[in-house]
Amino acid sequence: MARVSQEHLDARRRQIVEGAARCFARDGFHATSMQDVLKETGLSAGAVYRYFPSKDAIIVALALEVLERVGGSFSRAAAAEPPVQPGDVLADTLEEVLQSLDVPPSLIIQVWAETLRNPELAAVLHRGINTVIASWTAIAQNYQRQGLMRDDVPAEHVARTVAACVQGFLIQRALLAPDLRPDVLRDGLRGLTSLTLD
């Protein structure tokens, strides 16, 4: 029997995750069945279950993919020289995630809500958020070392505020303004960081 290439395996896994994500975004996690995923992907039950034993496993894989992409982008920004403007880092990362992964903000919010009932997903999200906080703490510390940011503010507090900006942006886009662009964060943070109060 011929061996299947890793590229083929990866492409099939991607096909399943993307198909499930479309179902989740359209119908929600709880209303989506594995039968719906099979129909969306056009694959047999055996093909899907080879990669994912359950719907929850697909949800975890989807969350991991998004968090790894976000974490990688922020880690690169932490190492950037010269430092990159905070709004540029956020806007560029969000643009990449929203376009290349084709993940709607409504689905991201569903993942957050699902962590309240799914301990495995909660653990994945906590690890991912901790990685994001660590990256942004490093970015803030770099700003402080170079005299670009006041150093009497804990860098972790800056990191958590930035994370809250991203979460708030995603909530606004999902619930209030579906056409909201990541450039809003770029411009908004540029405006806030230009304050010159006495």
Protein backbone atom coordinates (compact mmCIF):
# COMPACT_ATOMS: atom_id res chain seq x y z
CA MET A 1 0.00 0.00 0.00
CA ALA A 2 1.40 3.41 -0.96
CA ARG A 3 2.29 5.73 1.90
CA VAL A 4 0.37 8.98 2.13
CA SER A 5 2.55 12.08 2.13
CA GLN A 6 2.65 14.46 5.11
CA GLU A 7 1.45 17.22 2.78
CA HIS A 8 -1.64 15.18 1.96
CA LEU A 9 -2.30 14.48 5.65
CA ASP A 10 -1.90 18.14 6.52
CA ALA A 11 -4.18 19.21 3.67
CA ARG A 12 -6.87 16.74 4.74
CA ARG A 13 -6.66 17.91 8.35
CA ARG A 14 -6.91 21.53 7.16
CA GLN A 15 -9.96 20.63 5.04
CA ILE A 16 -11.71 19.20 8.12
CA VAL A 17 -10.86 22.14 10.39
CA GLU A 18 -11.95 24.68 7.77
CA GLY A 19 -15.19 22.82 7.06
CA ALA A 20 -16.00 22.53 10.76
CA ALA A 21 -15.20 26.21 11.27
CA ARG A 22 -17.72 27.13 8.57
CA CYS A 23 -20.35 24.98 10.30
CA PHE A 24 -19.55 26.42 13.73
CA ALA A 25 -19.68 29.99 12.43
CA ARG A 26 -22.97 29.38 10.64
CA ASP A 27 -24.83 27.24 13.19
CA GLY A 28 -22.87 27.43 16.47
CA PHE A 29 -20.96 24.67 18.22
CA HIS A 30 -23.89 22.99 19.89
CA ALA A 31 -26.15 22.96 16.83
CA THR A 32 -23.38 21.50 14.66
CA SER A 33 -23.12 17.71 14.57
CA MET A 34 -20.32 15.56 13.25
CA GLN A 35 -22.73 14.66 10.42
CA ASP A 36 -22.82 18.35 9.51
CA VAL A 37 -19.02 18.40 9.40
CA LEU A 38 -18.98 15.31 7.16
CA LYS A 39 -21.47 16.91 4.79
CA GLU A 40 -19.59 20.23 4.73
CA THR A 41 -16.23 18.60 3.99
CA GLY A 42 -17.53 15.89 1.67
CA LEU A 43 -15.47 13.32 3.55
CA SER A 44 -16.39 9.94 4.98
CA ALA A 45 -16.78 9.36 8.71
CA GLY A 46 -13.63 7.24 8.69
CA ALA A 47 -11.60 10.01 7.09
CA VAL A 48 -12.74 12.60 9.63
CA TYR A 49 -12.47 10.38 12.70
CA ARG A 50 -8.95 9.41 11.67
CA TYR A 51 -7.93 12.97 12.57
CA PHE A 52 -10.50 14.00 15.18
CA PRO A 53 -12.28 11.62 17.57
CA SER A 54 -14.96 14.19 18.41
CA LYS A 55 -16.37 17.62 17.67
CA ASP A 56 -14.65 18.94 20.81
CA ALA A 57 -11.29 17.80 19.40
CA ILE A 58 -11.93 19.90 16.28
CA ILE A 59 -12.79 22.92 18.44
CA VAL A 60 -9.54 22.48 20.39
CA ALA A 61 -7.55 22.19 17.13
CA LEU A 62 -9.18 25.35 15.79
CA ALA A 63 -8.36 27.29 18.96
CA LEU A 64 -4.76 26.04 18.93
CA GLU A 65 -4.31 27.13 15.35
CA VAL A 66 -5.51 30.67 16.01
CA LEU A 67 -3.50 31.01 19.23
CA GLU A 68 -0.32 29.68 17.62
CA ARG A 69 -0.64 32.17 14.76
CA VAL A 70 -1.28 35.08 17.14
CA GLY A 71 1.47 34.00 19.53
CA GLY A 72 4.00 33.67 16.72
CA SER A 73 3.22 37.12 15.38
CA PHE A 74 3.54 38.71 18.81
CA SER A 75 6.77 36.83 19.56
CA ARG A 76 8.31 38.21 16.36
CA ALA A 77 7.21 41.71 17.37
CA ALA A 78 8.85 41.26 20.77
CA ALA A 79 12.18 40.60 19.04
CA ALA A 80 11.83 43.37 16.43
CA GLU A 81 14.51 46.03 16.21
CA PRO A 82 13.73 48.84 16.03
CA PRO A 83 10.56 48.34 18.09
CA VAL A 84 7.26 48.37 16.23
CA GLN A 85 4.37 50.64 17.19
CA PRO A 86 1.81 48.75 19.36
CA GLY A 87 -1.08 49.57 17.05
CA ASP A 88 0.86 48.26 14.05
CA VAL A 89 1.57 44.97 15.82
CA LEU A 90 -2.09 44.51 16.76
CA ALA A 91 -3.55 45.57 13.42
CA ASP A 92 -1.15 43.45 11.37
CA THR A 93 -1.71 40.38 13.55
CA LEU A 94 -5.49 40.70 13.47
CA GLU A 95 -5.46 41.22 9.71
CA GLU A 96 -3.41 38.06 9.27
CA VAL A 97 -5.63 35.96 11.53
CA LEU A 98 -8.90 37.23 10.11
CA GLN A 99 -7.82 36.77 6.49
CA SER A 100 -5.44 33.84 6.30
CA LEU A 101 -7.32 31.60 8.73
CA ASP A 102 -10.75 32.78 7.61
CA VAL A 103 -11.94 32.75 11.23
CA PRO A 104 -14.86 35.11 11.91
CA PRO A 105 -14.84 36.99 15.24
CA SER A 106 -18.17 35.38 16.12
CA LEU A 107 -16.43 32.00 16.11
CA ILE A 108 -13.63 33.28 18.33
CA ILE A 109 -16.22 34.49 20.85
CA GLN A 110 -17.92 31.08 20.72
CA VAL A 111 -14.58 29.47 21.58
CA TRP A 112 -14.20 31.78 24.58
CA ALA A 113 -17.70 30.88 25.78
CA GLU A 114 -17.08 27.17 25.21
CA THR A 115 -14.15 27.25 27.66
CA LEU A 116 -16.70 27.57 30.48
CA ARG A 117 -17.85 23.98 29.87
CA ASN A 118 -14.83 22.36 28.24
CA PRO A 119 -11.80 22.00 30.58
CA GLU A 120 -9.46 20.89 27.79
CA LEU A 121 -10.34 23.92 25.69
CA ALA A 122 -10.03 26.17 28.77
CA ALA A 123 -6.50 24.84 29.36
CA VAL A 124 -5.57 25.51 25.71
CA LEU A 125 -6.95 29.04 25.90
CA HIS A 126 -5.18 29.79 29.19
CA ARG A 127 -1.84 28.58 27.79
CA GLY A 128 -2.36 30.61 24.62
CA ILE A 129 -3.36 33.78 26.46
CA ASN A 130 -0.41 33.38 28.84
CA THR A 131 1.89 33.18 25.80
CA VAL A 132 0.34 36.34 24.37
CA ILE A 133 0.70 38.15 27.72
CA ALA A 134 4.34 37.03 27.97
CA SER A 135 5.08 38.30 24.44
CA TRP A 136 3.45 41.66 25.09
CA THR A 137 5.22 41.96 28.45
CA ALA A 138 8.50 41.51 26.56
CA ILE A 139 7.43 44.11 23.98
CA ALA A 140 6.57 46.61 26.75
CA GLN A 141 9.87 45.92 28.53
CA ASN A 142 11.70 46.59 25.27
CA TYR A 143 9.87 49.91 24.93
CA GLN A 144 10.84 50.77 28.51
CA ARG A 145 14.51 49.81 28.05
CA GLN A 146 14.73 52.13 25.07
CA GLY A 147 13.04 55.01 26.87
CA LEU A 148 9.97 54.87 24.63
CA MET A 149 7.55 54.08 27.46
CA ARG A 150 7.49 55.20 31.07
CA ASP A 151 9.06 52.57 33.29
CA ASP A 152 6.95 53.11 36.40
CA VAL A 153 4.08 51.09 34.89
CA PRO A 154 4.35 47.28 35.21
CA ALA A 155 4.98 45.81 31.76
CA GLU A 156 2.50 43.01 32.47
CA HIS A 157 -0.24 45.60 33.06
CA VAL A 158 0.51 47.05 29.63
CA ALA A 159 0.33 43.53 28.16
CA ARG A 160 -3.05 42.79 29.73
CA THR A 161 -4.42 46.12 28.52
CA VAL A 162 -3.32 45.36 24.98
CA ALA A 163 -4.94 41.91 25.18
CA ALA A 164 -8.15 43.56 26.39
CA CYS A 165 -8.04 45.89 23.36
CA VAL A 166 -7.90 42.90 21.01
CA GLN A 167 -10.70 41.10 22.83
CA GLY A 168 -12.84 44.24 22.79
CA PHE A 169 -12.19 44.77 19.09
CA LEU A 170 -13.28 41.21 18.31
CA ILE A 171 -16.45 41.59 20.38
CA GLN A 172 -17.33 44.85 18.64
CA ARG A 173 -16.73 43.31 15.22
CA ALA A 174 -18.77 40.20 16.04
CA LEU A 175 -21.72 41.91 17.71
CA LEU A 176 -21.87 45.54 16.60
CA ALA A 177 -19.81 46.40 13.54
CA PRO A 178 -18.97 43.49 11.21
CA ASP A 179 -17.06 45.80 8.84
CA LEU A 180 -14.75 47.11 11.58
CA ARG A 181 -11.18 46.95 10.30
CA PRO A 182 -8.02 46.25 12.33
CA ASP A 183 -6.73 49.66 11.22
CA VAL A 184 -9.11 51.12 13.82
CA LEU A 185 -6.78 49.68 16.50
CA ARG A 186 -3.73 50.99 14.64
CA ASP A 187 -5.12 54.52 14.54
CA GLY A 188 -6.69 54.43 17.99
CA LEU A 189 -3.54 53.33 19.77
CA ARG A 190 -1.46 55.80 17.78
CA GLY A 191 -3.77 58.52 19.00
CA LEU A 192 -3.69 57.38 22.62
CA THR A 193 0.09 57.03 22.71
CA SER A 194 0.50 60.54 21.30
CA LEU A 195 -1.07 62.16 24.38
CA THR A 196 1.08 64.91 25.84
CA LEU A 197 -0.62 65.68 29.14
CA ASP A 198 1.23 67.53 31.92
